[in-house]
Amino acid sequence: MKCFLPLLVLGLLVVSCSTTKTIVDKPIIFNEEREILTLEYLSKRYGLKKDDPIIVPKMIVLHWTVIPTLEKSFEAFNNPSLPNWRPDIKDVSGLNVSSQFMVDRDGTIYRLMPETTMARHVIGLNHCAIGVENVGGDTDQPLTKAQLKSNIWLVRYLEEKYPIEYLIGHYEYTRFENHPLWLEKDDGYRTKKTDPGTAFMRRVRKAVSDLNFKDIPQ
């Protein structure tokens, strides 16, 4: 997939690619505090002592935000430290949740972080997973056809760049508990997930079946 020179549009960096899709750079705050918290997460949760929060992507994890707008979804991820309204995971780490990508309801793809910088979006697998968040996803705002098309495009884009082996929905993450990629040290740290929905995952998988990703553990 060939990408052309970046364009600056309304203060956002836009990378235009040969398939008519674009990736808009809309970075969340990644300052010294977030880097320290990320390195602490890698060390304490996974036993990985690193000098930088770089990952080698082996997996793409699709999500939904269950937040109705791009602005509010971005706001939820922007601060380096976890907000008080997430007490369920705050005691595990103060690092805020995030993802490398966010797809708005009109299908616009935003890159929130460098693709190979660790984001906190999936228990046990952050060290090897690129996260794709889709705005919305609750009962009142099911994911859109535009989001479906953009997720399919983005999966193909990432598969061409990185040694991606697995494509999963967030709800499937616990199936990796006995897999070599699973590194979470706390057997009690799990949360139940349903995103991005089984129907959405089925459609994405069908559209990229030619990429021959590995089957996820049973």
N, C-alpha and C. Protein backbone atom coordinates (compact mmCIF):
# COMPACT_ATOMS: atom_id res chain seq x y z
N MET A 1 0.84 -1.19 0.00
CA MET A 1 0.00 0.00 0.00
C MET A 1 0.87 1.24 0.00
N LYS A 2 0.77 2.03 -1.03
CA LYS A 2 1.64 3.19 -1.17
C LYS A 2 0.98 4.41 -0.56
N CYS A 3 1.73 5.17 0.23
CA CYS A 3 1.23 6.40 0.82
C CYS A 3 2.00 7.58 0.26
N PHE A 4 1.29 8.70 0.07
CA PHE A 4 1.89 9.87 -0.51
C PHE A 4 2.34 10.84 0.57
N LEU A 5 2.92 11.95 0.17
CA LEU A 5 3.46 12.91 1.11
C LEU A 5 2.38 13.44 2.02
N PRO A 6 2.70 13.66 3.33
CA PRO A 6 1.71 14.17 4.26
C PRO A 6 1.22 15.56 3.86
N LEU A 7 -0.03 15.82 4.18
CA LEU A 7 -0.64 17.12 3.96
C LEU A 7 -1.10 17.68 5.30
N LEU A 8 -0.96 18.96 5.51
CA LEU A 8 -1.42 19.59 6.74
C LEU A 8 -2.80 20.18 6.49
N VAL A 9 -3.81 19.60 7.15
CA VAL A 9 -5.19 20.04 6.97
C VAL A 9 -5.77 20.43 8.32
N LEU A 10 -6.13 21.68 8.49
CA LEU A 10 -6.73 22.17 9.73
C LEU A 10 -5.89 21.81 10.94
N GLY A 11 -4.59 21.85 10.78
CA GLY A 11 -3.69 21.58 11.89
C GLY A 11 -3.45 20.11 12.18
N LEU A 12 -4.04 19.22 11.37
CA LEU A 12 -3.86 17.79 11.56
C LEU A 12 -3.06 17.23 10.40
N LEU A 13 -2.17 16.30 10.71
CA LEU A 13 -1.36 15.69 9.67
C LEU A 13 -2.15 14.58 9.00
N VAL A 14 -2.31 14.67 7.69
CA VAL A 14 -3.08 13.69 6.95
C VAL A 14 -2.16 12.94 6.00
N VAL A 15 -2.16 11.62 6.09
CA VAL A 15 -1.37 10.79 5.18
C VAL A 15 -2.34 10.16 4.19
N SER A 16 -2.18 10.48 2.92
CA SER A 16 -3.08 9.97 1.89
C SER A 16 -2.50 8.71 1.28
N CYS A 17 -3.33 7.68 1.16
CA CYS A 17 -2.87 6.39 0.65
C CYS A 17 -3.58 6.06 -0.66
N SER A 18 -3.04 5.08 -1.36
CA SER A 18 -3.46 4.82 -2.73
C SER A 18 -4.84 4.21 -2.84
N THR A 19 -5.50 3.87 -1.74
CA THR A 19 -6.81 3.24 -1.80
C THR A 19 -7.93 4.22 -1.46
N THR A 20 -7.67 5.51 -1.52
CA THR A 20 -8.61 6.60 -1.24
C THR A 20 -8.81 6.85 0.24
N LYS A 21 -8.42 5.92 1.11
CA LYS A 21 -8.52 6.14 2.54
C LYS A 21 -7.38 7.05 3.01
N THR A 22 -7.59 7.68 4.14
CA THR A 22 -6.54 8.49 4.74
C THR A 22 -6.44 8.17 6.22
N ILE A 23 -5.27 8.45 6.78
CA ILE A 23 -5.06 8.37 8.22
C ILE A 23 -4.74 9.78 8.69
N VAL A 24 -5.51 10.26 9.64
CA VAL A 24 -5.32 11.59 10.18
C VAL A 24 -4.61 11.48 11.52
N ASP A 25 -3.47 12.14 11.66
CA ASP A 25 -2.74 12.13 12.92
C ASP A 25 -3.38 13.11 13.90
N LYS A 26 -3.87 12.59 15.00
CA LYS A 26 -4.51 13.38 16.06
C LYS A 26 -3.95 12.86 17.39
N PRO A 27 -2.74 13.25 17.72
CA PRO A 27 -2.04 12.61 18.85
C PRO A 27 -2.61 12.96 20.22
N ILE A 28 -2.76 11.94 21.04
CA ILE A 28 -3.03 12.15 22.45
C ILE A 28 -1.72 12.56 23.13
N ILE A 29 -1.83 13.03 24.36
CA ILE A 29 -0.63 13.46 25.10
C ILE A 29 0.25 12.25 25.38
N PHE A 30 1.47 12.31 24.91
CA PHE A 30 2.45 11.28 25.27
C PHE A 30 3.71 12.00 25.76
N ASN A 31 3.64 12.42 27.01
CA ASN A 31 4.72 13.18 27.62
C ASN A 31 5.57 12.26 28.49
N GLU A 32 6.45 12.85 29.28
CA GLU A 32 7.34 12.05 30.13
C GLU A 32 6.53 11.22 31.12
N GLU A 33 5.46 11.79 31.66
CA GLU A 33 4.63 11.04 32.62
C GLU A 33 4.05 9.78 31.98
N ARG A 34 3.52 9.92 30.78
CA ARG A 34 2.93 8.76 30.13
C ARG A 34 3.98 7.72 29.77
N GLU A 35 5.15 8.17 29.36
CA GLU A 35 6.22 7.22 29.04
C GLU A 35 6.64 6.44 30.28
N ILE A 36 6.79 7.14 31.41
CA ILE A 36 7.17 6.47 32.66
C ILE A 36 6.11 5.46 33.07
N LEU A 37 4.84 5.85 32.99
CA LEU A 37 3.76 4.94 33.36
C LEU A 37 3.70 3.74 32.42
N THR A 38 3.98 3.96 31.15
CA THR A 38 3.97 2.86 30.18
C THR A 38 5.10 1.88 30.46
N LEU A 39 6.29 2.39 30.75
CA LEU A 39 7.42 1.52 31.07
C LEU A 39 7.17 0.76 32.37
N GLU A 40 6.54 1.42 33.33
CA GLU A 40 6.18 0.74 34.58
C GLU A 40 5.17 -0.38 34.32
N TYR A 41 4.22 -0.12 33.45
CA TYR A 41 3.23 -1.14 33.10
C TYR A 41 3.91 -2.35 32.46
N LEU A 42 4.79 -2.12 31.51
CA LEU A 42 5.50 -3.21 30.86
C LEU A 42 6.30 -4.03 31.87
N SER A 43 6.90 -3.36 32.84
CA SER A 43 7.72 -4.03 33.83
C SER A 43 6.88 -4.81 34.84
N LYS A 44 5.87 -4.15 35.43
CA LYS A 44 5.10 -4.76 36.52
C LYS A 44 4.08 -5.77 36.03
N ARG A 45 3.43 -5.49 34.90
CA ARG A 45 2.40 -6.40 34.42
C ARG A 45 2.97 -7.56 33.63
N TYR A 46 4.08 -7.30 32.89
CA TYR A 46 4.59 -8.29 31.95
C TYR A 46 6.00 -8.78 32.24
N GLY A 47 6.70 -8.13 33.19
CA GLY A 47 8.08 -8.52 33.46
C GLY A 47 9.04 -8.10 32.37
N LEU A 48 8.67 -7.09 31.58
CA LEU A 48 9.52 -6.62 30.48
C LEU A 48 10.23 -5.34 30.90
N LYS A 49 11.53 -5.41 31.11
CA LYS A 49 12.33 -4.24 31.47
C LYS A 49 12.83 -3.60 30.18
N LYS A 50 12.32 -2.41 29.87
CA LYS A 50 12.65 -1.78 28.60
C LYS A 50 13.08 -0.34 28.82
N ASP A 51 13.88 0.15 27.87
CA ASP A 51 14.30 1.55 27.90
C ASP A 51 13.33 2.46 27.16
N ASP A 52 12.49 1.87 26.31
CA ASP A 52 11.49 2.64 25.58
C ASP A 52 10.23 1.77 25.43
N PRO A 53 9.08 2.40 25.23
CA PRO A 53 7.81 1.65 25.19
C PRO A 53 7.45 1.13 23.80
N ILE A 54 8.43 0.63 23.09
CA ILE A 54 8.22 0.17 21.71
C ILE A 54 7.75 -1.29 21.71
N ILE A 55 6.80 -1.60 20.84
CA ILE A 55 6.32 -2.97 20.70
C ILE A 55 6.60 -3.49 19.29
N VAL A 56 6.59 -4.81 19.16
CA VAL A 56 6.61 -5.46 17.84
C VAL A 56 5.21 -6.02 17.64
N PRO A 57 4.40 -5.41 16.78
CA PRO A 57 3.00 -5.82 16.66
C PRO A 57 2.84 -7.22 16.07
N LYS A 58 2.11 -8.06 16.79
CA LYS A 58 1.78 -9.41 16.33
C LYS A 58 0.27 -9.58 16.18
N MET A 59 -0.48 -8.58 16.63
CA MET A 59 -1.92 -8.73 16.76
C MET A 59 -2.60 -7.38 16.56
N ILE A 60 -3.81 -7.42 16.01
CA ILE A 60 -4.68 -6.25 15.94
C ILE A 60 -5.92 -6.57 16.78
N VAL A 61 -6.28 -5.65 17.67
CA VAL A 61 -7.45 -5.83 18.52
C VAL A 61 -8.46 -4.73 18.20
N LEU A 62 -9.67 -5.11 17.83
CA LEU A 62 -10.72 -4.16 17.50
C LEU A 62 -11.61 -3.93 18.72
N HIS A 63 -12.00 -2.66 18.93
CA HIS A 63 -12.76 -2.24 20.11
C HIS A 63 -13.91 -1.33 19.70
N TRP A 64 -14.77 -1.03 20.67
CA TRP A 64 -15.65 0.14 20.58
C TRP A 64 -15.52 0.95 21.85
N THR A 65 -15.79 2.25 21.76
CA THR A 65 -15.59 3.13 22.91
C THR A 65 -16.82 3.21 23.81
N VAL A 66 -18.01 2.91 23.27
CA VAL A 66 -19.29 3.13 23.96
C VAL A 66 -19.38 4.58 24.46
N ILE A 67 -18.78 5.47 23.72
CA ILE A 67 -18.86 6.91 23.94
C ILE A 67 -19.35 7.50 22.62
N PRO A 68 -20.37 8.37 22.63
CA PRO A 68 -21.07 8.70 21.39
C PRO A 68 -20.33 9.59 20.39
N THR A 69 -19.29 10.30 20.82
CA THR A 69 -18.64 11.23 19.90
C THR A 69 -17.13 11.03 19.88
N LEU A 70 -16.54 11.46 18.77
CA LEU A 70 -15.08 11.44 18.66
C LEU A 70 -14.45 12.30 19.73
N GLU A 71 -15.00 13.49 19.95
CA GLU A 71 -14.43 14.43 20.91
C GLU A 71 -14.37 13.83 22.32
N LYS A 72 -15.48 13.23 22.75
CA LYS A 72 -15.51 12.65 24.10
C LYS A 72 -14.65 11.39 24.19
N SER A 73 -14.60 10.62 23.12
CA SER A 73 -13.74 9.43 23.09
C SER A 73 -12.28 9.82 23.18
N PHE A 74 -11.90 10.83 22.40
CA PHE A 74 -10.53 11.33 22.43
C PHE A 74 -10.19 11.88 23.82
N GLU A 75 -11.11 12.61 24.40
CA GLU A 75 -10.90 13.18 25.73
C GLU A 75 -10.65 12.09 26.77
N ALA A 76 -11.34 10.96 26.63
CA ALA A 76 -11.18 9.87 27.59
C ALA A 76 -9.79 9.27 27.57
N PHE A 77 -9.11 9.34 26.41
CA PHE A 77 -7.79 8.75 26.25
C PHE A 77 -6.65 9.76 26.42
N ASN A 78 -6.95 11.02 26.32
CA ASN A 78 -5.92 12.03 26.13
C ASN A 78 -4.97 12.18 27.31
N ASN A 79 -5.48 12.23 28.52
CA ASN A 79 -4.62 12.43 29.68
C ASN A 79 -3.74 11.20 29.94
N PRO A 80 -2.52 11.41 30.37
CA PRO A 80 -1.61 10.28 30.62
C PRO A 80 -2.06 9.35 31.74
N SER A 81 -2.67 9.90 32.79
CA SER A 81 -3.06 9.09 33.94
C SER A 81 -4.54 8.75 33.90
N LEU A 82 -4.89 7.65 34.52
CA LEU A 82 -6.24 7.12 34.48
C LEU A 82 -7.19 8.03 35.25
N PRO A 83 -8.37 8.33 34.70
CA PRO A 83 -9.33 9.18 35.42
C PRO A 83 -9.98 8.43 36.57
N ASN A 84 -10.56 9.18 37.48
CA ASN A 84 -11.16 8.59 38.69
C ASN A 84 -12.36 7.70 38.38
N TRP A 85 -12.96 7.86 37.19
CA TRP A 85 -14.14 7.05 36.90
C TRP A 85 -13.80 5.64 36.39
N ARG A 86 -12.54 5.27 36.46
CA ARG A 86 -12.15 3.89 36.14
C ARG A 86 -11.53 3.20 37.35
N PRO A 87 -12.24 3.13 38.49
CA PRO A 87 -11.68 2.49 39.67
C PRO A 87 -11.45 0.99 39.50
N ASP A 88 -12.13 0.38 38.51
CA ASP A 88 -11.99 -1.06 38.29
C ASP A 88 -10.60 -1.46 37.87
N ILE A 89 -9.86 -0.54 37.23
CA ILE A 89 -8.50 -0.89 36.78
C ILE A 89 -7.44 0.05 37.32
N LYS A 90 -7.85 1.07 38.09
CA LYS A 90 -6.90 2.08 38.56
C LYS A 90 -5.85 1.48 39.50
N ASP A 91 -6.26 0.52 40.35
CA ASP A 91 -5.33 -0.07 41.30
C ASP A 91 -4.27 -0.92 40.63
N VAL A 92 -4.51 -1.33 39.40
CA VAL A 92 -3.55 -2.14 38.66
C VAL A 92 -2.42 -1.28 38.11
N SER A 93 -2.77 -0.11 37.60
CA SER A 93 -1.80 0.83 37.05
C SER A 93 -2.47 2.18 36.90
N GLY A 94 -1.69 3.25 37.08
CA GLY A 94 -2.21 4.59 36.87
C GLY A 94 -2.20 5.03 35.43
N LEU A 95 -1.65 4.20 34.53
CA LEU A 95 -1.59 4.53 33.11
C LEU A 95 -2.99 4.57 32.50
N ASN A 96 -3.31 5.64 31.81
CA ASN A 96 -4.63 5.75 31.19
C ASN A 96 -4.76 4.78 30.01
N VAL A 97 -5.98 4.39 29.75
CA VAL A 97 -6.25 3.56 28.58
C VAL A 97 -6.08 4.40 27.31
N SER A 98 -5.81 3.72 26.22
CA SER A 98 -5.62 4.39 24.94
C SER A 98 -5.60 3.34 23.84
N SER A 99 -5.38 3.78 22.63
CA SER A 99 -5.17 2.87 21.51
C SER A 99 -4.38 3.61 20.45
N GLN A 100 -3.83 2.87 19.54
CA GLN A 100 -3.06 3.52 18.48
C GLN A 100 -3.97 4.21 17.46
N PHE A 101 -5.18 3.69 17.26
CA PHE A 101 -6.09 4.24 16.27
C PHE A 101 -7.49 4.42 16.84
N MET A 102 -8.22 5.38 16.27
CA MET A 102 -9.63 5.57 16.57
C MET A 102 -10.36 5.85 15.25
N VAL A 103 -11.49 5.18 15.06
CA VAL A 103 -12.28 5.34 13.85
C VAL A 103 -13.60 6.01 14.20
N ASP A 104 -13.81 7.19 13.62
CA ASP A 104 -15.04 7.93 13.88
C ASP A 104 -16.22 7.28 13.15
N ARG A 105 -17.41 7.74 13.48
CA ARG A 105 -18.62 7.12 12.94
C ARG A 105 -18.78 7.34 11.44
N ASP A 106 -18.12 8.36 10.91
CA ASP A 106 -18.15 8.59 9.46
C ASP A 106 -17.05 7.83 8.73
N GLY A 107 -16.27 7.04 9.48
CA GLY A 107 -15.22 6.24 8.87
C GLY A 107 -13.84 6.87 8.87
N THR A 108 -13.73 8.12 9.32
CA THR A 108 -12.41 8.76 9.37
C THR A 108 -11.51 8.04 10.36
N ILE A 109 -10.29 7.75 9.93
CA ILE A 109 -9.33 7.02 10.76
C ILE A 109 -8.35 8.01 11.37
N TYR A 110 -8.27 8.01 12.69
CA TYR A 110 -7.34 8.88 13.41
C TYR A 110 -6.25 8.04 14.06
N ARG A 111 -5.01 8.47 13.90
CA ARG A 111 -3.89 7.82 14.59
C ARG A 111 -3.59 8.65 15.84
N LEU A 112 -3.79 8.02 17.00
CA LEU A 112 -3.62 8.71 18.28
C LEU A 112 -2.21 8.60 18.82
N MET A 113 -1.49 7.58 18.40
CA MET A 113 -0.14 7.30 18.90
C MET A 113 0.67 6.68 17.78
N PRO A 114 1.99 6.70 17.89
CA PRO A 114 2.80 5.94 16.93
C PRO A 114 2.37 4.47 16.96
N GLU A 115 2.38 3.85 15.82
CA GLU A 115 1.85 2.49 15.70
C GLU A 115 2.60 1.46 16.54
N THR A 116 3.86 1.71 16.82
CA THR A 116 4.66 0.74 17.57
C THR A 116 4.97 1.22 18.99
N THR A 117 4.18 2.16 19.51
CA THR A 117 4.28 2.56 20.91
C THR A 117 3.17 1.85 21.68
N MET A 118 3.49 1.30 22.84
CA MET A 118 2.50 0.53 23.59
C MET A 118 1.35 1.41 24.07
N ALA A 119 0.13 0.93 23.87
CA ALA A 119 -1.08 1.54 24.39
C ALA A 119 -1.75 0.54 25.34
N ARG A 120 -2.44 1.06 26.35
CA ARG A 120 -3.15 0.19 27.29
C ARG A 120 -4.58 -0.01 26.80
N HIS A 121 -4.84 -1.13 26.16
CA HIS A 121 -6.18 -1.36 25.62
C HIS A 121 -6.65 -2.80 25.74
N VAL A 122 -5.75 -3.73 26.10
CA VAL A 122 -6.16 -5.14 26.20
C VAL A 122 -5.28 -5.84 27.24
N ILE A 123 -5.90 -6.44 28.22
CA ILE A 123 -5.15 -7.11 29.29
C ILE A 123 -4.31 -8.24 28.71
N GLY A 124 -3.06 -8.32 29.17
CA GLY A 124 -2.19 -9.44 28.83
C GLY A 124 -1.45 -9.35 27.52
N LEU A 125 -1.88 -8.44 26.63
CA LEU A 125 -1.39 -8.47 25.26
C LEU A 125 -0.93 -7.11 24.72
N ASN A 126 -0.96 -6.09 25.57
CA ASN A 126 -0.58 -4.75 25.09
C ASN A 126 0.82 -4.69 24.49
N HIS A 127 1.69 -5.57 24.96
CA HIS A 127 3.09 -5.55 24.51
C HIS A 127 3.25 -5.98 23.06
N CYS A 128 2.17 -6.53 22.46
CA CYS A 128 2.30 -7.02 21.08
C CYS A 128 1.09 -6.67 20.23
N ALA A 129 0.21 -5.79 20.73
CA ALA A 129 -1.07 -5.55 20.06
C ALA A 129 -1.28 -4.10 19.68
N ILE A 130 -1.76 -3.88 18.46
CA ILE A 130 -2.22 -2.57 18.02
C ILE A 130 -3.73 -2.51 18.23
N GLY A 131 -4.18 -1.46 18.91
CA GLY A 131 -5.59 -1.30 19.20
C GLY A 131 -6.27 -0.35 18.23
N VAL A 132 -7.49 -0.72 17.84
CA VAL A 132 -8.33 0.12 16.98
C VAL A 132 -9.65 0.35 17.69
N GLU A 133 -9.88 1.57 18.15
CA GLU A 133 -11.12 1.92 18.84
C GLU A 133 -12.11 2.51 17.83
N ASN A 134 -13.36 2.08 17.94
CA ASN A 134 -14.43 2.61 17.11
C ASN A 134 -15.39 3.43 17.96
N VAL A 135 -15.64 4.66 17.56
CA VAL A 135 -16.50 5.55 18.34
C VAL A 135 -17.93 5.02 18.34
N GLY A 136 -18.53 4.98 19.54
CA GLY A 136 -19.88 4.46 19.68
C GLY A 136 -19.86 2.99 20.03
N GLY A 137 -20.91 2.28 19.58
CA GLY A 137 -20.96 0.85 19.81
C GLY A 137 -22.00 0.41 20.83
N ASP A 138 -22.66 1.36 21.50
CA ASP A 138 -23.69 0.96 22.44
C ASP A 138 -24.99 0.66 21.69
N THR A 139 -26.05 0.34 22.44
CA THR A 139 -27.32 -0.05 21.82
C THR A 139 -27.88 1.06 20.94
N ASP A 140 -27.74 2.29 21.38
CA ASP A 140 -28.29 3.42 20.64
C ASP A 140 -27.43 3.83 19.45
N GLN A 141 -26.16 3.44 19.46
CA GLN A 141 -25.26 3.83 18.37
C GLN A 141 -24.43 2.63 17.91
N PRO A 142 -25.06 1.70 17.20
CA PRO A 142 -24.29 0.56 16.68
C PRO A 142 -23.23 1.06 15.70
N LEU A 143 -22.17 0.28 15.58
CA LEU A 143 -21.10 0.66 14.66
C LEU A 143 -21.63 0.75 13.24
N THR A 144 -21.06 1.65 12.46
CA THR A 144 -21.60 1.99 11.14
C THR A 144 -20.92 1.21 10.01
N LYS A 145 -21.56 1.26 8.84
CA LYS A 145 -20.95 0.65 7.65
C LYS A 145 -19.64 1.34 7.30
N ALA A 146 -19.60 2.65 7.51
CA ALA A 146 -18.36 3.38 7.23
C ALA A 146 -17.24 2.91 8.15
N GLN A 147 -17.54 2.66 9.41
CA GLN A 147 -16.54 2.14 10.33
C GLN A 147 -16.09 0.74 9.92
N LEU A 148 -17.02 -0.08 9.51
CA LEU A 148 -16.68 -1.42 9.04
C LEU A 148 -15.68 -1.35 7.89
N LYS A 149 -15.96 -0.52 6.89
CA LYS A 149 -15.07 -0.40 5.74
C LYS A 149 -13.69 0.12 6.16
N SER A 150 -13.67 1.07 7.09
CA SER A 150 -12.39 1.62 7.53
C SER A 150 -11.58 0.61 8.34
N ASN A 151 -12.25 -0.20 9.15
CA ASN A 151 -11.54 -1.24 9.89
C ASN A 151 -10.92 -2.25 8.95
N ILE A 152 -11.66 -2.63 7.94
CA ILE A 152 -11.14 -3.57 6.95
C ILE A 152 -9.91 -2.99 6.26
N TRP A 153 -10.02 -1.73 5.84
CA TRP A 153 -8.88 -1.06 5.19
C TRP A 153 -7.68 -0.98 6.13
N LEU A 154 -7.94 -0.63 7.40
CA LEU A 154 -6.86 -0.44 8.35
C LEU A 154 -6.17 -1.76 8.68
N VAL A 155 -6.94 -2.84 8.79
CA VAL A 155 -6.34 -4.15 9.01
C VAL A 155 -5.38 -4.50 7.87
N ARG A 156 -5.79 -4.23 6.66
CA ARG A 156 -4.92 -4.52 5.51
C ARG A 156 -3.67 -3.63 5.52
N TYR A 157 -3.87 -2.38 5.85
CA TYR A 157 -2.74 -1.44 5.94
C TYR A 157 -1.71 -1.93 6.97
N LEU A 158 -2.17 -2.35 8.13
CA LEU A 158 -1.26 -2.78 9.20
C LEU A 158 -0.61 -4.13 8.87
N GLU A 159 -1.37 -5.00 8.24
CA GLU A 159 -0.83 -6.32 7.90
C GLU A 159 0.31 -6.21 6.91
N GLU A 160 0.26 -5.19 6.05
CA GLU A 160 1.34 -5.00 5.08
C GLU A 160 2.61 -4.47 5.73
N LYS A 161 2.46 -3.77 6.85
CA LYS A 161 3.61 -3.12 7.50
C LYS A 161 4.28 -3.97 8.57
N TYR A 162 3.51 -4.83 9.23
CA TYR A 162 4.00 -5.52 10.43
C TYR A 162 3.73 -7.02 10.36
N PRO A 163 4.46 -7.81 11.16
CA PRO A 163 4.26 -9.27 11.16
C PRO A 163 3.03 -9.67 11.97
N ILE A 164 1.86 -9.22 11.52
CA ILE A 164 0.62 -9.49 12.24
C ILE A 164 0.22 -10.95 12.07
N GLU A 165 -0.03 -11.61 13.19
CA GLU A 165 -0.43 -13.02 13.17
C GLU A 165 -1.90 -13.22 13.51
N TYR A 166 -2.45 -12.32 14.33
CA TYR A 166 -3.81 -12.51 14.82
C TYR A 166 -4.64 -11.24 14.66
N LEU A 167 -5.91 -11.43 14.38
CA LEU A 167 -6.90 -10.36 14.37
C LEU A 167 -8.00 -10.80 15.33
N ILE A 168 -8.25 -10.01 16.39
CA ILE A 168 -9.23 -10.41 17.39
C ILE A 168 -10.13 -9.24 17.77
N GLY A 169 -11.30 -9.58 18.28
CA GLY A 169 -12.13 -8.61 18.96
C GLY A 169 -11.75 -8.58 20.43
N HIS A 170 -11.96 -7.46 21.08
CA HIS A 170 -11.59 -7.33 22.48
C HIS A 170 -12.20 -8.44 23.33
N TYR A 171 -13.42 -8.84 23.01
CA TYR A 171 -14.12 -9.87 23.79
C TYR A 171 -13.42 -11.23 23.73
N GLU A 172 -12.48 -11.40 22.83
CA GLU A 172 -11.81 -12.69 22.65
C GLU A 172 -10.46 -12.76 23.36
N TYR A 173 -10.05 -11.71 24.07
CA TYR A 173 -8.67 -11.64 24.56
C TYR A 173 -8.33 -12.74 25.55
N THR A 174 -9.29 -13.19 26.37
CA THR A 174 -8.97 -14.20 27.40
C THR A 174 -8.66 -15.56 26.79
N ARG A 175 -8.95 -15.75 25.54
CA ARG A 175 -8.63 -17.02 24.89
C ARG A 175 -7.13 -17.19 24.68
N PHE A 176 -6.37 -16.14 24.96
CA PHE A 176 -4.91 -16.21 24.83
C PHE A 176 -4.21 -16.46 26.17
N GLU A 177 -4.96 -16.75 27.22
CA GLU A 177 -4.36 -16.86 28.55
C GLU A 177 -3.24 -17.89 28.64
N ASN A 178 -3.31 -18.96 27.90
CA ASN A 178 -2.25 -19.98 27.93
C ASN A 178 -1.37 -19.96 26.69
N HIS A 179 -1.44 -18.84 25.99
CA HIS A 179 -0.66 -18.68 24.76
C HIS A 179 0.68 -18.01 25.08
N PRO A 180 1.73 -18.31 24.31
CA PRO A 180 3.03 -17.67 24.56
C PRO A 180 3.01 -16.14 24.52
N LEU A 181 2.07 -15.53 23.81
CA LEU A 181 2.01 -14.08 23.77
C LEU A 181 1.44 -13.48 25.06
N TRP A 182 0.74 -14.26 25.85
CA TRP A 182 0.10 -13.77 27.07
C TRP A 182 1.14 -13.56 28.17
N LEU A 183 1.21 -12.33 28.72
CA LEU A 183 2.23 -12.03 29.72
C LEU A 183 1.67 -11.48 31.05
N GLU A 184 0.38 -11.26 31.18
CA GLU A 184 -0.17 -10.70 32.42
C GLU A 184 0.15 -11.60 33.61
N LYS A 185 0.74 -10.99 34.66
CA LYS A 185 1.20 -11.75 35.82
C LYS A 185 0.12 -12.01 36.86
N ASP A 186 -0.93 -11.20 36.88
CA ASP A 186 -1.96 -11.29 37.90
C ASP A 186 -3.13 -12.14 37.38
N ASP A 187 -3.30 -13.33 37.95
CA ASP A 187 -4.38 -14.22 37.50
C ASP A 187 -5.76 -13.67 37.83
N GLY A 188 -5.83 -12.70 38.72
CA GLY A 188 -7.11 -12.14 39.10
C GLY A 188 -7.51 -10.90 38.32
N TYR A 189 -6.62 -10.43 37.46
CA TYR A 189 -6.88 -9.19 36.72
C TYR A 189 -7.48 -9.51 35.36
N ARG A 190 -8.81 -9.50 35.30
CA ARG A 190 -9.55 -9.72 34.07
C ARG A 190 -10.79 -8.82 34.09
N THR A 191 -11.21 -8.36 32.94
CA THR A 191 -12.48 -7.65 32.81
C THR A 191 -13.26 -8.29 31.67
N LYS A 192 -14.58 -8.34 31.81
CA LYS A 192 -15.41 -8.95 30.78
C LYS A 192 -15.72 -7.94 29.70
N LYS A 193 -15.49 -8.30 28.45
CA LYS A 193 -15.68 -7.39 27.33
C LYS A 193 -16.63 -7.99 26.28
N THR A 194 -17.32 -7.12 25.56
CA THR A 194 -18.19 -7.55 24.47
C THR A 194 -17.85 -6.88 23.14
N ASP A 195 -16.94 -5.90 23.18
CA ASP A 195 -16.63 -5.14 21.97
C ASP A 195 -15.68 -5.89 21.03
N PRO A 196 -15.81 -5.62 19.74
CA PRO A 196 -16.72 -4.69 19.06
C PRO A 196 -17.99 -5.37 18.57
N GLY A 197 -18.37 -6.48 19.20
CA GLY A 197 -19.55 -7.23 18.79
C GLY A 197 -19.19 -8.36 17.85
N THR A 198 -19.88 -9.49 18.00
CA THR A 198 -19.56 -10.67 17.19
C THR A 198 -19.87 -10.46 15.71
N ALA A 199 -20.97 -9.76 15.41
CA ALA A 199 -21.34 -9.54 14.01
C ALA A 199 -20.31 -8.68 13.29
N PHE A 200 -19.83 -7.63 13.97
CA PHE A 200 -18.82 -6.76 13.38
C PHE A 200 -17.54 -7.55 13.11
N MET A 201 -17.11 -8.34 14.08
CA MET A 201 -15.88 -9.12 13.90
C MET A 201 -16.04 -10.13 12.77
N ARG A 202 -17.19 -10.74 12.69
CA ARG A 202 -17.42 -11.73 11.63
C ARG A 202 -17.30 -11.07 10.26
N ARG A 203 -17.83 -9.87 10.10
CA ARG A 203 -17.77 -9.18 8.81
C ARG A 203 -16.35 -8.75 8.46
N VAL A 204 -15.62 -8.26 9.46
CA VAL A 204 -14.23 -7.87 9.19
C VAL A 204 -13.41 -9.09 8.80
N ARG A 205 -13.56 -10.16 9.56
CA ARG A 205 -12.78 -11.38 9.27
C ARG A 205 -13.08 -11.93 7.88
N LYS A 206 -14.34 -11.92 7.51
CA LYS A 206 -14.71 -12.42 6.18
C LYS A 206 -14.05 -11.59 5.09
N ALA A 207 -14.00 -10.27 5.29
CA ALA A 207 -13.45 -9.37 4.28
C ALA A 207 -11.94 -9.49 4.14
N VAL A 208 -11.25 -9.96 5.19
CA VAL A 208 -9.79 -10.08 5.13
C VAL A 208 -9.33 -11.53 5.22
N SER A 209 -10.22 -12.45 4.88
CA SER A 209 -9.89 -13.87 5.01
C SER A 209 -8.70 -14.27 4.14
N ASP A 210 -8.46 -13.52 3.08
CA ASP A 210 -7.33 -13.83 2.20
C ASP A 210 -5.98 -13.56 2.86
N LEU A 211 -5.97 -12.83 3.98
CA LEU A 211 -4.72 -12.53 4.67
C LEU A 211 -4.23 -13.71 5.51
N ASN A 212 -5.11 -14.69 5.72
CA ASN A 212 -4.72 -15.94 6.39
C ASN A 212 -4.11 -15.73 7.77
N PHE A 213 -4.78 -14.94 8.60
CA PHE A 213 -4.35 -14.81 9.99
C PHE A 213 -4.50 -16.16 10.69
N LYS A 214 -3.73 -16.36 11.72
CA LYS A 214 -3.81 -17.59 12.50
C LYS A 214 -5.14 -17.67 13.24
N ASP A 215 -5.62 -18.89 13.43
CA ASP A 215 -6.82 -19.09 14.24
C ASP A 215 -6.50 -18.76 15.69
N ILE A 216 -7.46 -18.12 16.38
CA ILE A 216 -7.22 -17.80 17.79
C ILE A 216 -7.44 -19.05 18.62
N PRO A 217 -6.78 -19.16 19.78
CA PRO A 217 -6.91 -20.36 20.61
C PRO A 217 -8.36 -20.63 21.00
N GLN A 218 -8.68 -21.90 21.11
CA GLN A 218 -10.04 -22.32 21.50
C GLN A 218 -10.17 -22.40 23.02
